[in-house]
Amino acid sequence: MTRERWMTGAMALALLLVGVVSWRIHLRTPLEVEATSLAELPLQIDLWRGEEIPLRSGIEEMLDADYNLQRTYVHPLGGVVWLYVGYYGTTRGGRPEHTPWLCYPSNGWKIMRRDIVTLRRDERLRASEIVVEKGGERRLVHFWYQSYRRAGMLGGFDQALERLRNQLLEGRADGSLVRLSAPIAGPEEEASARARLISFSREIVPLLRQHWPRERPRSSL
């Protein structure tokens, strides 16, 4: 009986805390996004040279992000990396509804293989890895979720905890989807494409932190 009472009390306390947190969040002034800093992400990253790629008609509306960034980065030795960052502010819930798991198949790409890859062990950075194919063209794709405080999240539980923590401590719960991809010319090219994406990810993660969008309370009229 004592154990049952303890469990009941713990559940009641947990529900009370959730109610308090929800009420505090509800009372906070909505935040506006200032994404200028993300737009200023360097086009020159080490030896990589970037170029803006406009989103196709209709794609931007479908993604419904506060800010989309899409670029091609080319290395002088011939390597290519495609970068996409979709930023979602606190009022959007900090996470996208359209993820590579759904977007690639809906655009005619077949997911041939999926895995998890470590980007940087000392910071526990990981990414979801998929190989996609369409019309004989293959690409290697790495993607993860990132907040202003933490990178390398794969979604689900860790992402939900991060949003809750940031909402409680900082009053914000914004986040982004970061996707890197590279062409695979043949079976023997997959390892080099993976090394290229991992190398580029180590460059882009700290830069995204430095150029993270700002959020400020919405001014009342």
N, C-alpha and C. Protein backbone atom coordinates (compact mmCIF):
# COMPACT_ATOMS: atom_id res chain seq x y z
N MET A 1 0.82 -1.20 0.00
CA MET A 1 0.00 0.00 0.00
C MET A 1 0.87 1.27 0.00
N THR A 2 1.97 1.21 0.78
CA THR A 2 2.87 2.36 0.83
C THR A 2 3.44 2.67 -0.55
N ARG A 3 3.82 1.60 -1.26
CA ARG A 3 4.38 1.78 -2.60
C ARG A 3 3.34 2.39 -3.54
N GLU A 4 2.10 1.93 -3.44
CA GLU A 4 1.04 2.46 -4.30
C GLU A 4 0.79 3.94 -4.00
N ARG A 5 0.81 4.30 -2.73
CA ARG A 5 0.63 5.70 -2.36
C ARG A 5 1.77 6.56 -2.89
N TRP A 6 2.99 6.01 -2.80
CA TRP A 6 4.17 6.76 -3.30
C TRP A 6 4.06 6.99 -4.79
N MET A 7 3.65 5.93 -5.53
CA MET A 7 3.51 6.06 -6.98
C MET A 7 2.41 7.06 -7.33
N THR A 8 1.31 7.02 -6.60
CA THR A 8 0.21 7.95 -6.86
C THR A 8 0.65 9.38 -6.60
N GLY A 9 1.38 9.58 -5.49
CA GLY A 9 1.87 10.93 -5.18
C GLY A 9 2.85 11.43 -6.21
N ALA A 10 3.73 10.54 -6.70
CA ALA A 10 4.71 10.94 -7.72
C ALA A 10 4.02 11.33 -9.02
N MET A 11 3.00 10.57 -9.40
CA MET A 11 2.27 10.88 -10.63
C MET A 11 1.52 12.20 -10.51
N ALA A 12 0.93 12.43 -9.31
CA ALA A 12 0.21 13.69 -9.09
C ALA A 12 1.17 14.87 -9.16
N LEU A 13 2.38 14.71 -8.58
CA LEU A 13 3.37 15.78 -8.62
C LEU A 13 3.83 16.04 -10.05
N ALA A 14 4.04 14.97 -10.80
CA ALA A 14 4.46 15.12 -12.20
C ALA A 14 3.41 15.87 -13.01
N LEU A 15 2.15 15.51 -12.81
CA LEU A 15 1.07 16.19 -13.53
C LEU A 15 0.98 17.66 -13.13
N LEU A 16 1.20 17.94 -11.84
CA LEU A 16 1.19 19.31 -11.38
C LEU A 16 2.30 20.12 -12.02
N LEU A 17 3.50 19.53 -12.10
CA LEU A 17 4.64 20.22 -12.72
C LEU A 17 4.38 20.48 -14.20
N VAL A 18 3.81 19.49 -14.88
CA VAL A 18 3.49 19.68 -16.30
C VAL A 18 2.48 20.81 -16.47
N GLY A 19 1.49 20.88 -15.56
CA GLY A 19 0.50 21.94 -15.63
C GLY A 19 1.11 23.31 -15.41
N VAL A 20 2.03 23.41 -14.43
CA VAL A 20 2.69 24.67 -14.14
C VAL A 20 3.53 25.12 -15.33
N VAL A 21 4.30 24.17 -15.90
CA VAL A 21 5.14 24.49 -17.05
C VAL A 21 4.28 24.96 -18.23
N SER A 22 3.19 24.24 -18.50
CA SER A 22 2.32 24.61 -19.61
C SER A 22 1.72 26.00 -19.41
N TRP A 23 1.35 26.33 -18.18
CA TRP A 23 0.76 27.63 -17.90
C TRP A 23 1.79 28.74 -18.08
N ARG A 24 3.02 28.50 -17.62
CA ARG A 24 4.08 29.49 -17.78
C ARG A 24 4.37 29.75 -19.26
N ILE A 25 4.40 28.66 -20.03
CA ILE A 25 4.65 28.80 -21.46
C ILE A 25 3.52 29.57 -22.13
N HIS A 26 2.29 29.28 -21.71
CA HIS A 26 1.12 29.93 -22.30
C HIS A 26 1.13 31.44 -22.03
N LEU A 27 1.63 31.84 -20.86
CA LEU A 27 1.61 33.25 -20.48
C LEU A 27 2.72 34.06 -21.13
N ARG A 28 3.74 33.40 -21.67
CA ARG A 28 4.86 34.14 -22.23
C ARG A 28 4.47 34.84 -23.54
N THR A 29 5.08 35.98 -23.76
CA THR A 29 4.84 36.74 -24.98
C THR A 29 5.39 35.98 -26.18
N PRO A 30 4.61 35.85 -27.27
CA PRO A 30 5.11 35.17 -28.48
C PRO A 30 6.39 35.82 -28.98
N LEU A 31 7.27 35.01 -29.56
CA LEU A 31 8.57 35.48 -30.02
C LEU A 31 8.59 35.68 -31.52
N GLU A 32 9.30 36.71 -31.96
CA GLU A 32 9.53 36.97 -33.38
C GLU A 32 10.94 36.54 -33.75
N VAL A 33 11.09 36.03 -34.96
CA VAL A 33 12.38 35.52 -35.43
C VAL A 33 13.13 36.60 -36.21
N GLU A 34 14.39 36.76 -35.91
CA GLU A 34 15.28 37.61 -36.70
C GLU A 34 16.39 36.69 -37.24
N ALA A 35 16.26 36.32 -38.53
CA ALA A 35 17.13 35.30 -39.11
C ALA A 35 18.28 35.87 -39.93
N THR A 36 18.54 37.17 -39.81
CA THR A 36 19.61 37.79 -40.60
C THR A 36 20.95 37.12 -40.39
N SER A 37 21.23 36.74 -39.16
CA SER A 37 22.53 36.13 -38.86
C SER A 37 22.71 34.81 -39.59
N LEU A 38 21.63 34.02 -39.74
CA LEU A 38 21.73 32.76 -40.47
C LEU A 38 21.96 33.01 -41.95
N ALA A 39 21.35 34.06 -42.47
CA ALA A 39 21.56 34.41 -43.88
C ALA A 39 23.02 34.79 -44.14
N GLU A 40 23.72 35.22 -43.08
CA GLU A 40 25.11 35.64 -43.22
C GLU A 40 26.10 34.49 -42.99
N LEU A 41 25.60 33.27 -42.94
CA LEU A 41 26.50 32.11 -42.87
C LEU A 41 27.49 32.19 -44.03
N PRO A 42 28.80 32.03 -43.77
CA PRO A 42 29.81 32.27 -44.82
C PRO A 42 29.62 31.40 -46.07
N LEU A 43 29.84 32.00 -47.20
CA LEU A 43 29.88 31.24 -48.46
C LEU A 43 31.25 30.60 -48.66
N GLN A 44 32.27 31.15 -48.00
CA GLN A 44 33.61 30.57 -48.05
C GLN A 44 33.88 29.91 -46.71
N ILE A 45 33.96 28.58 -46.69
CA ILE A 45 34.23 27.82 -45.48
C ILE A 45 35.49 26.99 -45.71
N ASP A 46 36.58 27.44 -45.10
CA ASP A 46 37.89 26.83 -45.36
C ASP A 46 38.13 26.88 -46.88
N LEU A 47 38.29 25.74 -47.55
CA LEU A 47 38.50 25.74 -48.99
C LEU A 47 37.20 25.58 -49.78
N TRP A 48 36.10 25.38 -49.06
CA TRP A 48 34.82 25.19 -49.72
C TRP A 48 34.24 26.53 -50.17
N ARG A 49 33.74 26.56 -51.38
CA ARG A 49 33.14 27.77 -51.94
C ARG A 49 31.66 27.52 -52.18
N GLY A 50 30.80 28.36 -51.58
CA GLY A 50 29.37 28.13 -51.64
C GLY A 50 28.64 29.00 -52.64
N GLU A 51 27.47 28.53 -53.02
CA GLU A 51 26.59 29.26 -53.93
C GLU A 51 25.14 28.99 -53.53
N GLU A 52 24.33 30.05 -53.49
CA GLU A 52 22.92 29.91 -53.10
C GLU A 52 22.14 29.11 -54.15
N ILE A 53 21.21 28.28 -53.66
CA ILE A 53 20.30 27.54 -54.53
C ILE A 53 18.87 27.88 -54.12
N PRO A 54 18.11 28.58 -54.95
CA PRO A 54 16.71 28.90 -54.60
C PRO A 54 15.87 27.62 -54.49
N LEU A 55 14.95 27.61 -53.56
CA LEU A 55 14.03 26.48 -53.45
C LEU A 55 13.05 26.47 -54.61
N ARG A 56 12.70 25.29 -55.09
CA ARG A 56 11.74 25.17 -56.18
C ARG A 56 10.37 25.71 -55.77
N SER A 57 9.61 26.13 -56.75
CA SER A 57 8.28 26.68 -56.51
C SER A 57 7.42 25.68 -55.74
N GLY A 58 6.80 26.14 -54.69
CA GLY A 58 5.91 25.29 -53.89
C GLY A 58 6.61 24.60 -52.74
N ILE A 59 7.93 24.37 -52.85
CA ILE A 59 8.65 23.66 -51.79
C ILE A 59 8.71 24.50 -50.53
N GLU A 60 8.97 25.81 -50.70
CA GLU A 60 9.09 26.69 -49.54
C GLU A 60 7.79 26.74 -48.74
N GLU A 61 6.65 26.80 -49.45
CA GLU A 61 5.36 26.81 -48.78
C GLU A 61 5.11 25.49 -48.06
N MET A 62 5.52 24.39 -48.66
CA MET A 62 5.31 23.08 -48.07
C MET A 62 6.13 22.91 -46.79
N LEU A 63 7.38 23.38 -46.81
CA LEU A 63 8.25 23.24 -45.64
C LEU A 63 7.78 24.12 -44.49
N ASP A 64 7.20 25.28 -44.81
CA ASP A 64 6.62 26.18 -43.81
C ASP A 64 7.60 26.51 -42.68
N ALA A 65 8.85 26.79 -43.04
CA ALA A 65 9.86 27.15 -42.05
C ALA A 65 9.90 28.66 -41.89
N ASP A 66 10.47 29.11 -40.78
CA ASP A 66 10.69 30.54 -40.61
C ASP A 66 11.82 31.03 -41.51
N TYR A 67 12.76 30.14 -41.81
CA TYR A 67 13.84 30.51 -42.72
C TYR A 67 14.42 29.24 -43.34
N ASN A 68 14.63 29.29 -44.66
CA ASN A 68 15.25 28.19 -45.40
C ASN A 68 16.57 28.66 -45.99
N LEU A 69 17.59 27.84 -45.84
CA LEU A 69 18.88 28.12 -46.46
C LEU A 69 19.29 26.89 -47.25
N GLN A 70 19.59 27.08 -48.54
CA GLN A 70 19.99 25.97 -49.40
C GLN A 70 21.16 26.41 -50.27
N ARG A 71 22.24 25.64 -50.22
CA ARG A 71 23.46 26.01 -50.95
C ARG A 71 24.19 24.78 -51.49
N THR A 72 25.00 25.03 -52.49
CA THR A 72 25.99 24.05 -52.96
C THR A 72 27.37 24.55 -52.55
N TYR A 73 28.17 23.67 -51.96
CA TYR A 73 29.56 23.99 -51.63
C TYR A 73 30.47 23.08 -52.44
N VAL A 74 31.45 23.69 -53.11
CA VAL A 74 32.36 22.96 -53.99
C VAL A 74 33.79 23.11 -53.48
N HIS A 75 34.50 22.01 -53.42
CA HIS A 75 35.91 21.99 -53.00
C HIS A 75 36.79 22.09 -54.25
N PRO A 76 37.92 22.77 -54.16
CA PRO A 76 38.78 22.89 -55.34
C PRO A 76 39.28 21.55 -55.88
N LEU A 77 39.27 20.51 -55.05
CA LEU A 77 39.68 19.19 -55.52
C LEU A 77 38.53 18.43 -56.18
N GLY A 78 37.36 19.07 -56.23
CA GLY A 78 36.26 18.48 -56.99
C GLY A 78 35.10 17.96 -56.17
N GLY A 79 35.21 17.94 -54.84
CA GLY A 79 34.12 17.45 -54.01
C GLY A 79 32.94 18.42 -53.98
N VAL A 80 31.73 17.87 -53.88
CA VAL A 80 30.51 18.68 -53.82
C VAL A 80 29.70 18.26 -52.60
N VAL A 81 29.17 19.27 -51.88
CA VAL A 81 28.27 19.03 -50.75
C VAL A 81 27.08 19.96 -50.91
N TRP A 82 25.87 19.41 -50.80
CA TRP A 82 24.66 20.22 -50.80
C TRP A 82 24.21 20.42 -49.35
N LEU A 83 23.98 21.65 -48.97
CA LEU A 83 23.57 21.99 -47.61
C LEU A 83 22.15 22.55 -47.62
N TYR A 84 21.34 22.05 -46.68
CA TYR A 84 20.02 22.65 -46.44
C TYR A 84 19.84 22.83 -44.94
N VAL A 85 19.37 24.01 -44.54
CA VAL A 85 19.02 24.29 -43.16
C VAL A 85 17.61 24.86 -43.14
N GLY A 86 16.72 24.20 -42.43
CA GLY A 86 15.37 24.71 -42.23
C GLY A 86 15.20 25.10 -40.78
N TYR A 87 15.00 26.40 -40.53
CA TYR A 87 14.91 26.90 -39.16
C TYR A 87 13.45 27.12 -38.78
N TYR A 88 13.08 26.64 -37.59
CA TYR A 88 11.73 26.76 -37.07
C TYR A 88 11.79 27.41 -35.70
N GLY A 89 11.17 28.58 -35.58
CA GLY A 89 11.18 29.32 -34.32
C GLY A 89 10.31 28.68 -33.26
N THR A 90 10.33 29.27 -32.08
CA THR A 90 9.60 28.73 -30.94
C THR A 90 8.11 28.62 -31.23
N THR A 91 7.53 29.61 -31.90
CA THR A 91 6.09 29.56 -32.19
C THR A 91 5.74 28.46 -33.18
N ARG A 92 6.73 27.97 -33.93
CA ARG A 92 6.50 26.84 -34.86
C ARG A 92 6.80 25.50 -34.20
N GLY A 93 7.18 25.54 -32.92
CA GLY A 93 7.46 24.29 -32.22
C GLY A 93 8.88 23.82 -32.35
N GLY A 94 9.72 24.52 -33.13
CA GLY A 94 11.13 24.20 -33.20
C GLY A 94 11.50 22.98 -34.01
N ARG A 95 10.54 22.35 -34.67
CA ARG A 95 10.88 21.15 -35.46
C ARG A 95 10.01 21.08 -36.72
N PRO A 96 10.56 20.54 -37.80
CA PRO A 96 9.81 20.48 -39.06
C PRO A 96 8.84 19.31 -39.08
N GLU A 97 7.80 19.45 -39.87
CA GLU A 97 6.88 18.33 -40.10
C GLU A 97 7.36 17.48 -41.27
N HIS A 98 8.05 18.11 -42.22
CA HIS A 98 8.54 17.39 -43.40
C HIS A 98 10.02 17.07 -43.20
N THR A 99 10.32 15.80 -43.04
CA THR A 99 11.69 15.35 -42.80
C THR A 99 12.17 14.53 -43.99
N PRO A 100 13.48 14.31 -44.10
CA PRO A 100 13.99 13.50 -45.21
C PRO A 100 13.37 12.11 -45.31
N TRP A 101 12.94 11.55 -44.17
CA TRP A 101 12.30 10.23 -44.20
C TRP A 101 11.07 10.24 -45.10
N LEU A 102 10.39 11.36 -45.16
CA LEU A 102 9.16 11.47 -45.96
C LEU A 102 9.39 12.21 -47.27
N CYS A 103 10.24 13.25 -47.22
CA CYS A 103 10.40 14.12 -48.39
C CYS A 103 11.06 13.41 -49.57
N TYR A 104 12.08 12.60 -49.30
CA TYR A 104 12.74 11.91 -50.42
C TYR A 104 11.78 10.95 -51.13
N PRO A 105 11.09 10.03 -50.42
CA PRO A 105 10.15 9.14 -51.11
C PRO A 105 9.04 9.88 -51.82
N SER A 106 8.55 10.99 -51.23
CA SER A 106 7.46 11.73 -51.87
C SER A 106 7.91 12.43 -53.14
N ASN A 107 9.22 12.61 -53.31
CA ASN A 107 9.77 13.22 -54.52
C ASN A 107 10.39 12.19 -55.47
N GLY A 108 10.04 10.93 -55.27
CA GLY A 108 10.45 9.89 -56.20
C GLY A 108 11.76 9.21 -55.88
N TRP A 109 12.41 9.57 -54.76
CA TRP A 109 13.65 8.93 -54.36
C TRP A 109 13.34 7.68 -53.52
N LYS A 110 14.08 6.62 -53.75
CA LYS A 110 13.93 5.41 -52.97
C LYS A 110 15.05 5.35 -51.93
N ILE A 111 14.68 5.11 -50.68
CA ILE A 111 15.69 4.97 -49.63
C ILE A 111 16.23 3.54 -49.68
N MET A 112 17.52 3.43 -50.07
CA MET A 112 18.15 2.13 -50.26
C MET A 112 18.72 1.56 -48.95
N ARG A 113 19.16 2.45 -48.09
CA ARG A 113 19.77 2.00 -46.83
C ARG A 113 19.70 3.13 -45.82
N ARG A 114 19.62 2.77 -44.54
CA ARG A 114 19.61 3.77 -43.48
C ARG A 114 20.52 3.32 -42.35
N ASP A 115 21.12 4.30 -41.68
CA ASP A 115 22.08 3.99 -40.61
C ASP A 115 22.22 5.23 -39.73
N ILE A 116 23.05 5.14 -38.69
CA ILE A 116 23.43 6.26 -37.85
C ILE A 116 24.94 6.38 -37.88
N VAL A 117 25.44 7.59 -38.09
CA VAL A 117 26.89 7.80 -38.21
C VAL A 117 27.32 8.81 -37.15
N THR A 118 28.51 8.59 -36.59
CA THR A 118 29.09 9.51 -35.61
C THR A 118 29.87 10.58 -36.34
N LEU A 119 29.55 11.84 -36.07
CA LEU A 119 30.23 12.96 -36.71
C LEU A 119 31.45 13.41 -35.90
N ARG A 120 31.29 13.42 -34.59
CA ARG A 120 32.38 13.86 -33.72
C ARG A 120 32.19 13.23 -32.35
N ARG A 121 33.10 12.36 -31.97
CA ARG A 121 32.94 11.61 -30.73
C ARG A 121 33.06 12.48 -29.49
N ASP A 122 33.96 13.46 -29.51
CA ASP A 122 34.19 14.25 -28.30
C ASP A 122 32.98 15.12 -27.94
N GLU A 123 32.11 15.41 -28.92
CA GLU A 123 30.90 16.19 -28.65
C GLU A 123 29.63 15.35 -28.81
N ARG A 124 29.80 14.05 -29.04
CA ARG A 124 28.67 13.13 -29.20
C ARG A 124 27.72 13.59 -30.30
N LEU A 125 28.29 14.04 -31.39
CA LEU A 125 27.49 14.47 -32.53
C LEU A 125 27.20 13.26 -33.42
N ARG A 126 25.92 13.07 -33.72
CA ARG A 126 25.52 11.98 -34.60
C ARG A 126 24.58 12.49 -35.68
N ALA A 127 24.43 11.71 -36.72
CA ALA A 127 23.50 12.06 -37.80
C ALA A 127 22.83 10.80 -38.31
N SER A 128 21.62 10.95 -38.79
CA SER A 128 20.97 9.87 -39.54
C SER A 128 21.59 9.83 -40.93
N GLU A 129 21.90 8.64 -41.42
CA GLU A 129 22.48 8.49 -42.74
C GLU A 129 21.56 7.64 -43.61
N ILE A 130 21.27 8.14 -44.80
CA ILE A 130 20.50 7.35 -45.76
C ILE A 130 21.17 7.42 -47.12
N VAL A 131 21.01 6.35 -47.88
CA VAL A 131 21.41 6.33 -49.29
C VAL A 131 20.12 6.33 -50.10
N VAL A 132 19.98 7.30 -51.00
CA VAL A 132 18.76 7.41 -51.80
C VAL A 132 19.11 7.28 -53.28
N GLU A 133 18.13 6.80 -54.05
CA GLU A 133 18.35 6.59 -55.49
C GLU A 133 17.11 7.00 -56.27
N LYS A 134 17.38 7.64 -57.42
CA LYS A 134 16.29 8.04 -58.30
C LYS A 134 16.82 8.10 -59.73
N GLY A 135 16.21 7.32 -60.61
CA GLY A 135 16.62 7.33 -62.01
C GLY A 135 18.08 7.03 -62.23
N GLY A 136 18.65 6.14 -61.44
CA GLY A 136 20.06 5.79 -61.59
C GLY A 136 21.01 6.71 -60.85
N GLU A 137 20.52 7.81 -60.28
CA GLU A 137 21.36 8.73 -59.52
C GLU A 137 21.29 8.38 -58.04
N ARG A 138 22.45 8.30 -57.41
CA ARG A 138 22.51 7.97 -55.98
C ARG A 138 23.12 9.13 -55.20
N ARG A 139 22.60 9.32 -53.96
CA ARG A 139 23.14 10.34 -53.07
C ARG A 139 23.28 9.77 -51.67
N LEU A 140 24.30 10.24 -50.97
CA LEU A 140 24.46 9.94 -49.56
C LEU A 140 23.98 11.15 -48.78
N VAL A 141 23.14 10.94 -47.79
CA VAL A 141 22.51 12.03 -47.05
C VAL A 141 22.77 11.87 -45.56
N HIS A 142 23.22 12.93 -44.92
CA HIS A 142 23.33 13.01 -43.47
C HIS A 142 22.40 14.13 -42.99
N PHE A 143 21.64 13.87 -41.93
CA PHE A 143 20.81 14.94 -41.37
C PHE A 143 20.65 14.76 -39.87
N TRP A 144 20.48 15.89 -39.21
CA TRP A 144 20.29 15.91 -37.76
C TRP A 144 19.48 17.14 -37.39
N TYR A 145 19.09 17.20 -36.13
CA TYR A 145 18.35 18.36 -35.61
C TYR A 145 19.28 19.13 -34.68
N GLN A 146 19.12 20.44 -34.71
CA GLN A 146 20.03 21.30 -33.95
C GLN A 146 19.26 22.43 -33.30
N SER A 147 19.60 22.73 -32.04
CA SER A 147 19.07 23.89 -31.34
C SER A 147 20.20 24.89 -31.19
N TYR A 148 19.90 26.04 -30.57
CA TYR A 148 20.96 27.02 -30.37
C TYR A 148 22.00 26.53 -29.36
N ARG A 149 21.67 25.47 -28.62
CA ARG A 149 22.57 24.96 -27.58
C ARG A 149 23.18 23.62 -27.93
N ARG A 150 22.49 22.82 -28.71
CA ARG A 150 22.90 21.43 -28.93
C ARG A 150 22.72 21.03 -30.39
N ALA A 151 23.68 20.25 -30.90
CA ALA A 151 23.61 19.72 -32.27
C ALA A 151 23.63 18.20 -32.23
N GLY A 152 23.41 17.58 -33.37
CA GLY A 152 23.54 16.14 -33.48
C GLY A 152 22.40 15.35 -32.89
N MET A 153 21.20 15.93 -32.77
CA MET A 153 20.04 15.19 -32.27
C MET A 153 19.38 14.45 -33.43
N LEU A 154 18.90 13.24 -33.15
CA LEU A 154 18.31 12.42 -34.20
C LEU A 154 16.78 12.50 -34.20
N GLY A 155 16.22 13.28 -33.28
CA GLY A 155 14.77 13.40 -33.20
C GLY A 155 14.23 12.65 -32.01
N GLY A 156 12.90 12.61 -31.89
CA GLY A 156 12.27 11.83 -30.84
C GLY A 156 12.50 12.37 -29.45
N PHE A 157 12.85 11.47 -28.53
CA PHE A 157 12.91 11.79 -27.12
C PHE A 157 13.94 12.86 -26.80
N ASP A 158 15.16 12.75 -27.36
CA ASP A 158 16.20 13.74 -27.03
C ASP A 158 15.82 15.13 -27.51
N GLN A 159 15.14 15.20 -28.64
CA GLN A 159 14.71 16.50 -29.16
C GLN A 159 13.60 17.10 -28.30
N ALA A 160 12.68 16.27 -27.83
CA ALA A 160 11.60 16.75 -26.97
C ALA A 160 12.15 17.27 -25.65
N LEU A 161 13.11 16.56 -25.07
CA LEU A 161 13.73 17.01 -23.83
C LEU A 161 14.48 18.33 -24.02
N GLU A 162 15.14 18.47 -25.16
CA GLU A 162 15.88 19.70 -25.43
C GLU A 162 14.93 20.89 -25.55
N ARG A 163 13.80 20.71 -26.21
CA ARG A 163 12.83 21.80 -26.34
C ARG A 163 12.25 22.18 -24.98
N LEU A 164 11.95 21.17 -24.16
CA LEU A 164 11.39 21.44 -22.84
C LEU A 164 12.40 22.18 -21.97
N ARG A 165 13.64 21.72 -21.99
CA ARG A 165 14.69 22.37 -21.19
C ARG A 165 14.87 23.82 -21.60
N ASN A 166 14.99 24.06 -22.90
CA ASN A 166 15.21 25.43 -23.39
C ASN A 166 14.01 26.33 -23.12
N GLN A 167 12.81 25.75 -23.19
CA GLN A 167 11.61 26.54 -22.91
C GLN A 167 11.58 26.97 -21.45
N LEU A 168 11.97 26.08 -20.57
CA LEU A 168 11.95 26.38 -19.14
C LEU A 168 13.04 27.38 -18.75
N LEU A 169 14.27 27.14 -19.24
CA LEU A 169 15.40 27.94 -18.80
C LEU A 169 15.60 29.22 -19.59
N GLU A 170 15.28 29.19 -20.89
CA GLU A 170 15.57 30.34 -21.75
C GLU A 170 14.32 30.99 -22.34
N GLY A 171 13.18 30.32 -22.18
CA GLY A 171 11.95 30.88 -22.75
C GLY A 171 11.83 30.72 -24.25
N ARG A 172 12.61 29.82 -24.83
CA ARG A 172 12.55 29.60 -26.28
C ARG A 172 12.73 28.11 -26.55
N ALA A 173 12.18 27.66 -27.67
CA ALA A 173 12.28 26.25 -28.03
C ALA A 173 12.42 26.11 -29.54
N ASP A 174 13.28 26.96 -30.12
CA ASP A 174 13.48 26.93 -31.56
C ASP A 174 14.47 25.83 -31.93
N GLY A 175 14.48 25.48 -33.21
CA GLY A 175 15.39 24.43 -33.68
C GLY A 175 15.46 24.40 -35.19
N SER A 176 16.30 23.52 -35.69
CA SER A 176 16.47 23.44 -37.14
C SER A 176 16.74 22.01 -37.58
N LEU A 177 16.42 21.75 -38.83
CA LEU A 177 16.83 20.53 -39.50
C LEU A 177 18.04 20.89 -40.36
N VAL A 178 19.13 20.15 -40.18
CA VAL A 178 20.33 20.37 -40.99
C VAL A 178 20.55 19.12 -41.83
N ARG A 179 20.67 19.31 -43.13
CA ARG A 179 20.84 18.18 -44.05
C ARG A 179 22.03 18.43 -44.97
N LEU A 180 22.91 17.46 -45.03
CA LEU A 180 24.03 17.48 -45.97
C LEU A 180 23.89 16.30 -46.92
N SER A 181 24.20 16.50 -48.18
CA SER A 181 24.14 15.39 -49.14
C SER A 181 25.25 15.53 -50.16
N ALA A 182 25.61 14.39 -50.74
CA ALA A 182 26.69 14.35 -51.74
C ALA A 182 26.38 13.27 -52.76
N PRO A 183 26.80 13.47 -54.01
CA PRO A 183 26.56 12.44 -55.03
C PRO A 183 27.45 11.23 -54.82
N ILE A 184 26.93 10.06 -55.20
CA ILE A 184 27.70 8.82 -55.18
C ILE A 184 27.81 8.33 -56.61
N ALA A 185 28.99 8.45 -57.20
CA ALA A 185 29.18 8.07 -58.60
C ALA A 185 29.17 6.55 -58.79
N GLY A 186 29.59 5.80 -57.78
CA GLY A 186 29.63 4.35 -57.87
C GLY A 186 29.78 3.75 -56.49
N PRO A 187 29.69 2.42 -56.36
CA PRO A 187 29.79 1.78 -55.05
C PRO A 187 31.06 2.14 -54.30
N GLU A 188 32.15 2.30 -55.02
CA GLU A 188 33.42 2.61 -54.38
C GLU A 188 33.50 4.06 -53.92
N GLU A 189 32.54 4.91 -54.33
CA GLU A 189 32.55 6.32 -53.97
C GLU A 189 31.83 6.61 -52.66
N GLU A 190 31.12 5.64 -52.09
CA GLU A 190 30.33 5.90 -50.89
C GLU A 190 31.21 6.29 -49.71
N ALA A 191 32.33 5.61 -49.53
CA ALA A 191 33.22 5.91 -48.40
C ALA A 191 33.79 7.32 -48.50
N SER A 192 34.17 7.74 -49.70
CA SER A 192 34.73 9.08 -49.86
C SER A 192 33.64 10.14 -49.67
N ALA A 193 32.40 9.85 -50.12
CA ALA A 193 31.29 10.78 -49.91
C ALA A 193 31.00 10.92 -48.42
N ARG A 194 31.06 9.82 -47.68
CA ARG A 194 30.82 9.87 -46.24
C ARG A 194 31.90 10.70 -45.55
N ALA A 195 33.15 10.49 -45.90
CA ALA A 195 34.24 11.27 -45.31
C ALA A 195 34.08 12.75 -45.61
N ARG A 196 33.62 13.06 -46.82
CA ARG A 196 33.41 14.46 -47.21
C ARG A 196 32.32 15.10 -46.37
N LEU A 197 31.20 14.39 -46.15
CA LEU A 197 30.11 14.94 -45.37
C LEU A 197 30.49 15.10 -43.90
N ILE A 198 31.20 14.13 -43.35
CA ILE A 198 31.63 14.23 -41.95
C ILE A 198 32.57 15.40 -41.77
N SER A 199 33.51 15.57 -42.70
CA SER A 199 34.45 16.68 -42.62
C SER A 199 33.72 18.02 -42.70
N PHE A 200 32.76 18.12 -43.61
CA PHE A 200 32.02 19.37 -43.76
C PHE A 200 31.15 19.64 -42.54
N SER A 201 30.56 18.59 -41.97
CA SER A 201 29.71 18.78 -40.79
C SER A 201 30.49 19.37 -39.63
N ARG A 202 31.73 18.99 -39.49
CA ARG A 202 32.56 19.53 -38.41
C ARG A 202 32.85 21.01 -38.60
N GLU A 203 32.77 21.47 -39.83
CA GLU A 203 32.95 22.89 -40.12
C GLU A 203 31.63 23.66 -39.89
N ILE A 204 30.52 23.04 -40.27
CA ILE A 204 29.26 23.79 -40.31
C ILE A 204 28.59 23.88 -38.94
N VAL A 205 28.77 22.88 -38.07
CA VAL A 205 28.09 22.89 -36.77
C VAL A 205 28.48 24.12 -35.94
N PRO A 206 29.76 24.42 -35.72
CA PRO A 206 30.09 25.63 -34.95
C PRO A 206 29.68 26.93 -35.64
N LEU A 207 29.69 26.94 -36.97
CA LEU A 207 29.27 28.14 -37.69
C LEU A 207 27.77 28.39 -37.51
N LEU A 208 26.98 27.34 -37.49
CA LEU A 208 25.55 27.49 -37.26
C LEU A 208 25.29 28.04 -35.86
N ARG A 209 26.08 27.61 -34.90
CA ARG A 209 25.94 28.14 -33.54
C ARG A 209 26.25 29.64 -33.52
N GLN A 210 27.30 30.03 -34.24
CA GLN A 210 27.68 31.44 -34.27
C GLN A 210 26.64 32.31 -34.98
N HIS A 211 25.97 31.74 -35.98
CA HIS A 211 25.02 32.50 -36.80
C HIS A 211 23.57 32.12 -36.51
N TRP A 212 23.33 31.62 -35.31
CA TRP A 212 21.98 31.18 -34.95
C TRP A 212 21.01 32.37 -34.92
N PRO A 213 19.80 32.20 -35.48
CA PRO A 213 18.82 33.30 -35.48
C PRO A 213 18.48 33.76 -34.06
N ARG A 214 18.12 35.02 -33.97
CA ARG A 214 17.70 35.59 -32.69
C ARG A 214 16.18 35.60 -32.61
N GLU A 215 15.67 35.48 -31.39
CA GLU A 215 14.23 35.60 -31.16
C GLU A 215 14.02 36.68 -30.09
N ARG A 216 13.01 37.49 -30.30
CA ARG A 216 12.71 38.55 -29.33
C ARG A 216 11.20 38.62 -29.15
N PRO A 217 10.75 39.11 -27.96
CA PRO A 217 9.30 39.22 -27.72
C PRO A 217 8.65 40.08 -28.78
N ARG A 218 7.50 39.64 -29.25
CA ARG A 218 6.75 40.38 -30.26
C ARG A 218 6.20 41.67 -29.65
N SER A 219 6.45 42.76 -30.33
CA SER A 219 5.98 44.07 -29.83
C SER A 219 4.48 44.16 -29.99
N SER A 220 3.83 44.65 -28.97
CA SER A 220 2.37 44.81 -29.02
C SER A 220 2.03 46.18 -29.56
N LEU A 221 1.02 46.27 -30.40
CA LEU A 221 0.60 47.53 -31.01
C LEU A 221 -0.55 48.14 -30.22
